[in-house]
Amino acid sequence: MNALRLYQNAYKRSPLIIHAVETGIIMTSADVLSQIMVERRSLTSVDLERSIRFGGIGICYVAPMRVAWYKILERKIPGCNVKSILQKVALDQLCFAPPFVLVLVSAVSFTSGMNIDQVIQKLKNTYSDIMLNNLKVWPCVQLCNFYLVPVHMRMTTVQVVSLMWNIYLSWKTNLNKE
């Protein structure tokens, strides 16, 4: 059996576990890449603890929330016509993304040792920028995703784009910490 078939079978049996593992790997990798490529750290000075925390947030928060959200979207707005696709994108960007990003930034901040006042300040400093950049990336991705990608592969499609997005998120949420 080839690797793709193994993946598809595992995905059918345990989609949450597969997505949690994917998300953990992608977010950990994105944080390492952010430290090397954006923050210009050497490989030996990468903060692996920070990367593991970021990946852990992916496993415990990002993956379960996304899996649940995609199920809700498909159940509430079935189909693949123009109206349903636009409704899904609108709900995704207006109802899901704002609180999702708020909790994500808070989780990254708290797990890095910030107190509540510091987390509030971090949100004041970064949340609007992250949401503006979110609107530059994700509506287009989701239009394509909801139109072109079968329901069972949409999370995987999001995972591909998420590598680059998570490099940005890691950088933005860790800016001015060190």
N, C-alpha and C. Protein backbone atom coordinates (compact mmCIF):
# COMPACT_ATOMS: atom_id res chain seq x y z
N MET A 1 0.85 -1.18 0.00
CA MET A 1 0.00 0.00 0.00
C MET A 1 0.90 1.25 0.00
N ASN A 2 0.58 2.19 -0.86
CA ASN A 2 1.43 3.38 -0.93
C ASN A 2 1.10 4.38 0.19
N ALA A 3 1.94 5.38 0.33
CA ALA A 3 1.82 6.34 1.42
C ALA A 3 0.51 7.12 1.35
N LEU A 4 0.10 7.51 0.15
CA LEU A 4 -1.14 8.26 0.01
C LEU A 4 -2.33 7.43 0.47
N ARG A 5 -2.37 6.19 0.10
CA ARG A 5 -3.47 5.31 0.50
C ARG A 5 -3.47 5.12 2.03
N LEU A 6 -2.30 4.95 2.62
CA LEU A 6 -2.20 4.84 4.08
C LEU A 6 -2.75 6.09 4.75
N TYR A 7 -2.36 7.24 4.21
CA TYR A 7 -2.84 8.52 4.76
C TYR A 7 -4.36 8.60 4.65
N GLN A 8 -4.91 8.29 3.48
CA GLN A 8 -6.35 8.38 3.27
C GLN A 8 -7.11 7.44 4.21
N ASN A 9 -6.60 6.24 4.39
CA ASN A 9 -7.25 5.29 5.30
C ASN A 9 -7.20 5.78 6.74
N ALA A 10 -6.04 6.27 7.16
CA ALA A 10 -5.91 6.79 8.52
C ALA A 10 -6.82 8.00 8.72
N TYR A 11 -6.89 8.84 7.71
CA TYR A 11 -7.74 10.03 7.78
C TYR A 11 -9.21 9.64 7.93
N LYS A 12 -9.65 8.64 7.19
CA LYS A 12 -11.05 8.20 7.28
C LYS A 12 -11.37 7.65 8.66
N ARG A 13 -10.41 6.94 9.26
CA ARG A 13 -10.62 6.34 10.58
C ARG A 13 -10.55 7.38 11.70
N SER A 14 -9.61 8.29 11.62
CA SER A 14 -9.36 9.22 12.74
C SER A 14 -8.98 10.61 12.23
N PRO A 15 -9.92 11.35 11.66
CA PRO A 15 -9.55 12.65 11.09
C PRO A 15 -9.00 13.63 12.12
N LEU A 16 -9.54 13.64 13.33
CA LEU A 16 -9.04 14.58 14.33
C LEU A 16 -7.59 14.27 14.70
N ILE A 17 -7.29 13.01 14.88
CA ILE A 17 -5.91 12.64 15.24
C ILE A 17 -4.96 13.00 14.11
N ILE A 18 -5.34 12.68 12.88
CA ILE A 18 -4.48 13.00 11.73
C ILE A 18 -4.25 14.51 11.64
N HIS A 19 -5.32 15.28 11.77
CA HIS A 19 -5.17 16.74 11.68
C HIS A 19 -4.39 17.30 12.86
N ALA A 20 -4.56 16.73 14.03
CA ALA A 20 -3.80 17.19 15.19
C ALA A 20 -2.30 16.96 14.97
N VAL A 21 -1.96 15.77 14.47
CA VAL A 21 -0.55 15.47 14.20
C VAL A 21 -0.01 16.40 13.10
N GLU A 22 -0.77 16.54 12.01
CA GLU A 22 -0.35 17.44 10.92
C GLU A 22 -0.15 18.87 11.44
N THR A 23 -1.12 19.34 12.20
CA THR A 23 -1.07 20.72 12.69
C THR A 23 0.11 20.91 13.64
N GLY A 24 0.33 19.94 14.51
CA GLY A 24 1.47 20.03 15.42
C GLY A 24 2.79 20.09 14.68
N ILE A 25 2.94 19.23 13.68
CA ILE A 25 4.17 19.22 12.88
C ILE A 25 4.33 20.53 12.11
N ILE A 26 3.25 20.98 11.48
CA ILE A 26 3.31 22.20 10.67
C ILE A 26 3.60 23.42 11.54
N MET A 27 2.93 23.52 12.67
CA MET A 27 3.14 24.71 13.51
C MET A 27 4.52 24.69 14.18
N THR A 28 4.99 23.52 14.57
CA THR A 28 6.35 23.43 15.12
C THR A 28 7.36 23.82 14.05
N SER A 29 7.19 23.27 12.86
CA SER A 29 8.10 23.59 11.74
C SER A 29 8.04 25.07 11.39
N ALA A 30 6.83 25.62 11.38
CA ALA A 30 6.68 27.04 11.04
C ALA A 30 7.40 27.92 12.05
N ASP A 31 7.34 27.56 13.32
CA ASP A 31 8.03 28.36 14.32
C ASP A 31 9.54 28.28 14.14
N VAL A 32 10.05 27.09 13.87
CA VAL A 32 11.49 26.94 13.62
C VAL A 32 11.88 27.78 12.40
N LEU A 33 11.10 27.67 11.32
CA LEU A 33 11.39 28.44 10.11
C LEU A 33 11.30 29.94 10.37
N SER A 34 10.34 30.35 11.17
CA SER A 34 10.21 31.77 11.51
C SER A 34 11.46 32.26 12.23
N GLN A 35 11.93 31.47 13.16
CA GLN A 35 13.13 31.88 13.91
C GLN A 35 14.35 31.97 13.00
N ILE A 36 14.47 31.04 12.06
CA ILE A 36 15.64 31.02 11.18
C ILE A 36 15.52 32.05 10.05
N MET A 37 14.39 32.06 9.36
CA MET A 37 14.24 32.88 8.16
C MET A 37 13.86 34.33 8.45
N VAL A 38 12.96 34.54 9.40
CA VAL A 38 12.46 35.89 9.66
C VAL A 38 13.28 36.57 10.75
N GLU A 39 13.51 35.86 11.83
CA GLU A 39 14.25 36.45 12.96
C GLU A 39 15.76 36.33 12.78
N ARG A 40 16.18 35.61 11.75
CA ARG A 40 17.60 35.48 11.39
C ARG A 40 18.45 34.84 12.49
N ARG A 41 17.87 33.86 13.17
CA ARG A 41 18.65 33.12 14.16
C ARG A 41 19.42 32.01 13.47
N SER A 42 20.51 31.63 14.08
CA SER A 42 21.24 30.46 13.57
C SER A 42 20.50 29.21 14.03
N LEU A 43 20.75 28.12 13.37
CA LEU A 43 20.10 26.86 13.73
C LEU A 43 20.38 26.49 15.18
N THR A 44 21.57 26.79 15.65
CA THR A 44 21.92 26.44 17.03
C THR A 44 21.27 27.34 18.08
N SER A 45 20.74 28.48 17.66
CA SER A 45 20.10 29.38 18.63
C SER A 45 18.57 29.35 18.56
N VAL A 46 18.03 28.40 17.81
CA VAL A 46 16.57 28.26 17.73
C VAL A 46 16.05 27.86 19.11
N ASP A 47 14.98 28.50 19.54
CA ASP A 47 14.33 28.20 20.81
C ASP A 47 13.36 27.04 20.58
N LEU A 48 13.85 25.82 20.80
CA LEU A 48 13.03 24.63 20.55
C LEU A 48 11.84 24.55 21.50
N GLU A 49 12.01 25.03 22.71
CA GLU A 49 10.89 25.03 23.66
C GLU A 49 9.74 25.87 23.12
N ARG A 50 10.07 27.02 22.58
CA ARG A 50 9.06 27.89 21.97
C ARG A 50 8.37 27.19 20.80
N SER A 51 9.16 26.51 19.97
CA SER A 51 8.60 25.80 18.82
C SER A 51 7.67 24.68 19.25
N ILE A 52 8.06 23.97 20.29
CA ILE A 52 7.22 22.88 20.80
C ILE A 52 5.94 23.43 21.41
N ARG A 53 6.03 24.55 22.11
CA ARG A 53 4.81 25.18 22.65
C ARG A 53 3.86 25.57 21.52
N PHE A 54 4.41 26.16 20.46
CA PHE A 54 3.59 26.58 19.32
C PHE A 54 2.92 25.36 18.68
N GLY A 55 3.69 24.29 18.50
CA GLY A 55 3.13 23.06 17.96
C GLY A 55 2.09 22.44 18.88
N GLY A 56 2.32 22.53 20.18
CA GLY A 56 1.35 22.01 21.15
C GLY A 56 0.03 22.75 21.08
N ILE A 57 0.09 24.05 20.86
CA ILE A 57 -1.14 24.83 20.69
C ILE A 57 -1.87 24.35 19.43
N GLY A 58 -1.10 24.01 18.41
CA GLY A 58 -1.70 23.46 17.20
C GLY A 58 -2.44 22.16 17.46
N ILE A 59 -1.82 21.29 18.23
CA ILE A 59 -2.42 19.98 18.54
C ILE A 59 -3.65 20.14 19.42
N CYS A 60 -3.53 20.94 20.47
CA CYS A 60 -4.59 21.02 21.49
C CYS A 60 -5.71 22.01 21.16
N TYR A 61 -5.42 23.02 20.36
CA TYR A 61 -6.42 24.05 20.09
C TYR A 61 -6.75 24.19 18.61
N VAL A 62 -5.75 24.43 17.78
CA VAL A 62 -6.00 24.75 16.37
C VAL A 62 -6.69 23.59 15.65
N ALA A 63 -6.12 22.40 15.73
CA ALA A 63 -6.70 21.26 15.00
C ALA A 63 -8.13 20.94 15.45
N PRO A 64 -8.39 20.78 16.75
CA PRO A 64 -9.77 20.48 17.14
C PRO A 64 -10.77 21.56 16.74
N MET A 65 -10.36 22.83 16.85
CA MET A 65 -11.26 23.92 16.47
C MET A 65 -11.56 23.90 14.98
N ARG A 66 -10.52 23.71 14.17
CA ARG A 66 -10.73 23.68 12.72
C ARG A 66 -11.60 22.50 12.31
N VAL A 67 -11.32 21.33 12.86
CA VAL A 67 -12.12 20.14 12.52
C VAL A 67 -13.58 20.39 12.86
N ALA A 68 -13.84 20.88 14.06
CA ALA A 68 -15.22 21.16 14.47
C ALA A 68 -15.85 22.23 13.57
N TRP A 69 -15.10 23.27 13.26
CA TRP A 69 -15.62 24.36 12.45
C TRP A 69 -16.01 23.89 11.05
N TYR A 70 -15.15 23.11 10.43
CA TYR A 70 -15.47 22.63 9.08
C TYR A 70 -16.69 21.72 9.08
N LYS A 71 -16.86 20.93 10.13
CA LYS A 71 -18.07 20.09 10.24
C LYS A 71 -19.31 20.96 10.38
N ILE A 72 -19.23 21.98 11.22
CA ILE A 72 -20.37 22.89 11.41
C ILE A 72 -20.71 23.59 10.10
N LEU A 73 -19.69 24.13 9.44
CA LEU A 73 -19.93 24.84 8.17
C LEU A 73 -20.63 23.94 7.16
N GLU A 74 -20.14 22.73 7.01
CA GLU A 74 -20.71 21.84 5.99
C GLU A 74 -22.12 21.40 6.37
N ARG A 75 -22.37 21.22 7.66
CA ARG A 75 -23.70 20.81 8.10
C ARG A 75 -24.70 21.96 7.94
N LYS A 76 -24.28 23.16 8.30
CA LYS A 76 -25.19 24.32 8.24
C LYS A 76 -25.36 24.87 6.83
N ILE A 77 -24.30 24.78 6.02
CA ILE A 77 -24.35 25.32 4.66
C ILE A 77 -23.81 24.26 3.70
N PRO A 78 -24.62 23.26 3.40
CA PRO A 78 -24.14 22.22 2.48
C PRO A 78 -24.08 22.75 1.04
N GLY A 79 -23.36 22.05 0.23
CA GLY A 79 -23.34 22.38 -1.19
C GLY A 79 -22.10 23.14 -1.61
N CYS A 80 -22.04 23.32 -2.93
CA CYS A 80 -20.85 23.92 -3.53
C CYS A 80 -21.24 24.94 -4.59
N ASN A 81 -22.41 25.56 -4.43
CA ASN A 81 -22.80 26.59 -5.39
C ASN A 81 -22.26 27.94 -4.93
N VAL A 82 -22.38 28.94 -5.77
CA VAL A 82 -21.80 30.26 -5.48
C VAL A 82 -22.32 30.81 -4.15
N LYS A 83 -23.62 30.73 -3.94
CA LYS A 83 -24.21 31.27 -2.72
C LYS A 83 -23.65 30.58 -1.48
N SER A 84 -23.62 29.26 -1.48
CA SER A 84 -23.14 28.54 -0.30
C SER A 84 -21.65 28.78 -0.06
N ILE A 85 -20.88 28.87 -1.13
CA ILE A 85 -19.44 29.13 -0.98
C ILE A 85 -19.21 30.51 -0.37
N LEU A 86 -19.91 31.52 -0.87
CA LEU A 86 -19.76 32.87 -0.32
C LEU A 86 -20.22 32.94 1.14
N GLN A 87 -21.29 32.21 1.46
CA GLN A 87 -21.75 32.17 2.85
C GLN A 87 -20.69 31.53 3.76
N LYS A 88 -20.09 30.45 3.29
CA LYS A 88 -19.06 29.77 4.09
C LYS A 88 -17.86 30.68 4.32
N VAL A 89 -17.42 31.35 3.26
CA VAL A 89 -16.27 32.25 3.40
C VAL A 89 -16.62 33.40 4.36
N ALA A 90 -17.81 33.96 4.21
CA ALA A 90 -18.22 35.07 5.08
C ALA A 90 -18.27 34.61 6.54
N LEU A 91 -18.89 33.48 6.80
CA LEU A 91 -18.94 32.97 8.17
C LEU A 91 -17.56 32.66 8.70
N ASP A 92 -16.73 32.07 7.86
CA ASP A 92 -15.37 31.72 8.27
C ASP A 92 -14.61 32.97 8.70
N GLN A 93 -14.72 34.02 7.93
CA GLN A 93 -13.94 35.23 8.19
C GLN A 93 -14.57 36.14 9.25
N LEU A 94 -15.88 36.14 9.34
CA LEU A 94 -16.55 37.06 10.26
C LEU A 94 -16.88 36.44 11.62
N CYS A 95 -17.16 35.14 11.63
CA CYS A 95 -17.58 34.49 12.88
C CYS A 95 -16.50 33.60 13.50
N PHE A 96 -15.72 32.93 12.66
CA PHE A 96 -14.71 32.01 13.19
C PHE A 96 -13.36 32.68 13.41
N ALA A 97 -12.85 33.35 12.40
CA ALA A 97 -11.48 33.88 12.47
C ALA A 97 -11.24 34.85 13.63
N PRO A 98 -12.11 35.83 13.88
CA PRO A 98 -11.79 36.79 14.96
C PRO A 98 -11.59 36.14 16.34
N PRO A 99 -12.54 35.33 16.83
CA PRO A 99 -12.28 34.73 18.15
C PRO A 99 -11.17 33.68 18.11
N PHE A 100 -11.05 32.98 16.99
CA PHE A 100 -10.00 31.97 16.84
C PHE A 100 -8.62 32.61 16.99
N VAL A 101 -8.39 33.71 16.30
CA VAL A 101 -7.11 34.41 16.37
C VAL A 101 -6.90 35.00 17.76
N LEU A 102 -7.95 35.54 18.36
CA LEU A 102 -7.85 36.10 19.70
C LEU A 102 -7.37 35.04 20.69
N VAL A 103 -7.97 33.87 20.65
CA VAL A 103 -7.57 32.79 21.57
C VAL A 103 -6.17 32.30 21.23
N LEU A 104 -5.84 32.20 19.95
CA LEU A 104 -4.51 31.73 19.55
C LEU A 104 -3.41 32.67 20.05
N VAL A 105 -3.58 33.95 19.83
CA VAL A 105 -2.58 34.92 20.30
C VAL A 105 -2.48 34.88 21.82
N SER A 106 -3.62 34.76 22.49
CA SER A 106 -3.61 34.67 23.95
C SER A 106 -2.89 33.41 24.42
N ALA A 107 -3.16 32.29 23.77
CA ALA A 107 -2.52 31.02 24.15
C ALA A 107 -1.01 31.08 23.97
N VAL A 108 -0.57 31.62 22.84
CA VAL A 108 0.87 31.75 22.61
C VAL A 108 1.48 32.65 23.69
N SER A 109 0.80 33.72 24.01
CA SER A 109 1.32 34.66 25.00
C SER A 109 1.36 34.05 26.40
N PHE A 110 0.27 33.43 26.82
CA PHE A 110 0.24 32.81 28.15
C PHE A 110 1.27 31.69 28.27
N THR A 111 1.38 30.85 27.24
CA THR A 111 2.33 29.73 27.34
C THR A 111 3.78 30.19 27.29
N SER A 112 4.01 31.41 26.87
CA SER A 112 5.39 31.92 26.89
C SER A 112 5.70 32.63 28.21
N GLY A 113 4.73 32.65 29.12
CA GLY A 113 4.98 33.20 30.45
C GLY A 113 4.43 34.58 30.71
N MET A 114 3.67 35.12 29.79
CA MET A 114 3.11 36.46 30.01
C MET A 114 1.98 36.40 31.03
N ASN A 115 1.81 37.51 31.76
CA ASN A 115 0.67 37.61 32.67
C ASN A 115 -0.50 38.26 31.92
N ILE A 116 -1.64 38.38 32.57
CA ILE A 116 -2.85 38.86 31.90
C ILE A 116 -2.68 40.26 31.32
N ASP A 117 -2.02 41.15 32.06
CA ASP A 117 -1.81 42.51 31.54
C ASP A 117 -0.93 42.51 30.30
N GLN A 118 0.10 41.68 30.31
CA GLN A 118 0.98 41.57 29.14
C GLN A 118 0.24 40.97 27.95
N VAL A 119 -0.62 40.00 28.21
CA VAL A 119 -1.40 39.38 27.13
C VAL A 119 -2.35 40.41 26.52
N ILE A 120 -2.99 41.18 27.36
CA ILE A 120 -3.89 42.23 26.85
C ILE A 120 -3.11 43.23 26.00
N GLN A 121 -1.93 43.61 26.46
CA GLN A 121 -1.10 44.53 25.68
C GLN A 121 -0.67 43.90 24.36
N LYS A 122 -0.32 42.62 24.39
CA LYS A 122 0.07 41.90 23.16
C LYS A 122 -1.10 41.91 22.18
N LEU A 123 -2.30 41.66 22.67
CA LEU A 123 -3.48 41.69 21.80
C LEU A 123 -3.68 43.09 21.22
N LYS A 124 -3.52 44.11 22.03
CA LYS A 124 -3.65 45.49 21.54
C LYS A 124 -2.62 45.78 20.45
N ASN A 125 -1.42 45.24 20.61
CA ASN A 125 -0.33 45.53 19.68
C ASN A 125 -0.38 44.70 18.40
N THR A 126 -0.98 43.52 18.43
CA THR A 126 -0.86 42.61 17.28
C THR A 126 -2.17 42.18 16.64
N TYR A 127 -3.25 42.18 17.40
CA TYR A 127 -4.49 41.57 16.90
C TYR A 127 -5.00 42.20 15.60
N SER A 128 -5.06 43.51 15.54
CA SER A 128 -5.61 44.15 14.33
C SER A 128 -4.73 43.88 13.12
N ASP A 129 -3.41 43.91 13.28
CA ASP A 129 -2.51 43.58 12.16
C ASP A 129 -2.72 42.15 11.68
N ILE A 130 -2.81 41.23 12.63
CA ILE A 130 -3.01 39.83 12.25
C ILE A 130 -4.33 39.67 11.51
N MET A 131 -5.39 40.30 12.01
CA MET A 131 -6.69 40.17 11.36
C MET A 131 -6.70 40.82 9.97
N LEU A 132 -6.03 41.95 9.81
CA LEU A 132 -5.95 42.57 8.48
C LEU A 132 -5.20 41.66 7.51
N ASN A 133 -4.11 41.08 7.96
CA ASN A 133 -3.37 40.16 7.09
C ASN A 133 -4.13 38.87 6.85
N ASN A 134 -4.90 38.45 7.84
CA ASN A 134 -5.78 37.30 7.67
C ASN A 134 -6.72 37.53 6.49
N LEU A 135 -7.27 38.74 6.43
CA LEU A 135 -8.21 39.07 5.35
C LEU A 135 -7.54 39.18 3.98
N LYS A 136 -6.23 39.35 3.96
CA LYS A 136 -5.50 39.38 2.70
C LYS A 136 -5.22 37.98 2.17
N VAL A 137 -5.23 37.00 3.05
CA VAL A 137 -4.84 35.64 2.67
C VAL A 137 -6.03 34.69 2.60
N TRP A 138 -6.75 34.58 3.71
CA TRP A 138 -7.68 33.46 3.86
C TRP A 138 -8.97 33.53 3.04
N PRO A 139 -9.58 34.67 2.77
CA PRO A 139 -10.79 34.63 1.94
C PRO A 139 -10.54 33.99 0.58
N CYS A 140 -9.44 34.36 -0.07
CA CYS A 140 -9.12 33.78 -1.38
C CYS A 140 -8.84 32.28 -1.25
N VAL A 141 -8.06 31.92 -0.24
CA VAL A 141 -7.76 30.50 -0.01
C VAL A 141 -9.06 29.73 0.20
N GLN A 142 -9.94 30.28 1.02
CA GLN A 142 -11.17 29.56 1.33
C GLN A 142 -12.14 29.52 0.14
N LEU A 143 -12.16 30.57 -0.66
CA LEU A 143 -12.98 30.50 -1.89
C LEU A 143 -12.55 29.32 -2.74
N CYS A 144 -11.27 29.20 -2.97
CA CYS A 144 -10.74 28.07 -3.75
C CYS A 144 -10.99 26.75 -3.04
N ASN A 145 -10.77 26.74 -1.75
CA ASN A 145 -10.94 25.52 -0.97
C ASN A 145 -12.38 25.02 -1.03
N PHE A 146 -13.34 25.89 -0.78
CA PHE A 146 -14.74 25.48 -0.77
C PHE A 146 -15.26 25.16 -2.16
N TYR A 147 -14.67 25.76 -3.19
CA TYR A 147 -15.13 25.52 -4.56
C TYR A 147 -14.46 24.30 -5.20
N LEU A 148 -13.17 24.16 -5.02
CA LEU A 148 -12.40 23.16 -5.77
C LEU A 148 -12.10 21.88 -5.01
N VAL A 149 -12.08 21.93 -3.71
CA VAL A 149 -11.57 20.80 -2.92
C VAL A 149 -12.73 20.01 -2.32
N PRO A 150 -12.67 18.68 -2.44
CA PRO A 150 -13.71 17.86 -1.80
C PRO A 150 -13.71 18.08 -0.28
N VAL A 151 -14.88 17.94 0.32
CA VAL A 151 -15.06 18.21 1.74
C VAL A 151 -14.00 17.50 2.59
N HIS A 152 -13.75 16.25 2.30
CA HIS A 152 -12.85 15.47 3.16
C HIS A 152 -11.38 15.89 3.04
N MET A 153 -11.04 16.72 2.06
CA MET A 153 -9.64 17.15 1.88
C MET A 153 -9.42 18.64 2.20
N ARG A 154 -10.45 19.32 2.65
CA ARG A 154 -10.33 20.76 2.88
C ARG A 154 -9.36 21.11 4.00
N MET A 155 -9.36 20.34 5.05
CA MET A 155 -8.42 20.61 6.14
C MET A 155 -6.98 20.45 5.67
N THR A 156 -6.74 19.45 4.84
CA THR A 156 -5.39 19.23 4.33
C THR A 156 -4.96 20.41 3.46
N THR A 157 -5.87 20.92 2.66
CA THR A 157 -5.57 22.09 1.84
C THR A 157 -5.20 23.28 2.72
N VAL A 158 -5.97 23.48 3.77
CA VAL A 158 -5.68 24.57 4.71
C VAL A 158 -4.31 24.36 5.35
N GLN A 159 -3.96 23.10 5.62
CA GLN A 159 -2.67 22.81 6.24
C GLN A 159 -1.51 23.27 5.36
N VAL A 160 -1.65 23.11 4.05
CA VAL A 160 -0.58 23.50 3.13
C VAL A 160 -0.34 25.01 3.22
N VAL A 161 -1.40 25.79 3.16
CA VAL A 161 -1.27 27.25 3.26
C VAL A 161 -0.83 27.65 4.67
N SER A 162 -1.26 26.87 5.64
CA SER A 162 -0.95 27.19 7.03
C SER A 162 0.54 27.21 7.34
N LEU A 163 1.33 26.47 6.61
CA LEU A 163 2.77 26.51 6.89
C LEU A 163 3.27 27.95 6.77
N MET A 164 2.96 28.60 5.65
CA MET A 164 3.41 29.98 5.46
C MET A 164 2.72 30.93 6.44
N TRP A 165 1.43 30.74 6.63
CA TRP A 165 0.67 31.60 7.55
C TRP A 165 1.23 31.47 8.97
N ASN A 166 1.56 30.26 9.38
CA ASN A 166 2.06 30.04 10.73
C ASN A 166 3.48 30.58 10.93
N ILE A 167 4.26 30.68 9.87
CA ILE A 167 5.55 31.36 9.98
C ILE A 167 5.29 32.82 10.36
N TYR A 168 4.35 33.44 9.67
CA TYR A 168 3.97 34.81 9.98
C TYR A 168 3.41 34.92 11.41
N LEU A 169 2.47 34.04 11.76
CA LEU A 169 1.86 34.10 13.09
C LEU A 169 2.89 33.91 14.19
N SER A 170 3.79 32.98 13.99
CA SER A 170 4.83 32.75 14.99
C SER A 170 5.67 34.01 15.19
N TRP A 171 6.08 34.60 14.08
CA TRP A 171 6.88 35.82 14.16
C TRP A 171 6.08 36.92 14.86
N LYS A 172 4.85 37.13 14.43
CA LYS A 172 4.04 38.24 14.96
C LYS A 172 3.73 38.05 16.44
N THR A 173 3.42 36.82 16.84
CA THR A 173 3.06 36.60 18.25
C THR A 173 4.27 36.57 19.17
N ASN A 174 5.45 36.38 18.62
CA ASN A 174 6.66 36.35 19.44
C ASN A 174 7.49 37.62 19.31
N LEU A 175 7.03 38.56 18.52
CA LEU A 175 7.73 39.82 18.32
C LEU A 175 7.89 40.56 19.65
N ASN A 176 9.07 41.07 19.89
CA ASN A 176 9.37 41.87 21.09
C ASN A 176 9.32 41.09 22.40
N LYS A 177 9.40 39.76 22.32
CA LYS A 177 9.44 38.97 23.55
C LYS A 177 10.85 38.81 24.04
N GLU A 178 11.77 38.63 23.07
CA GLU A 178 13.14 38.33 23.47
C GLU A 178 14.01 39.56 23.41
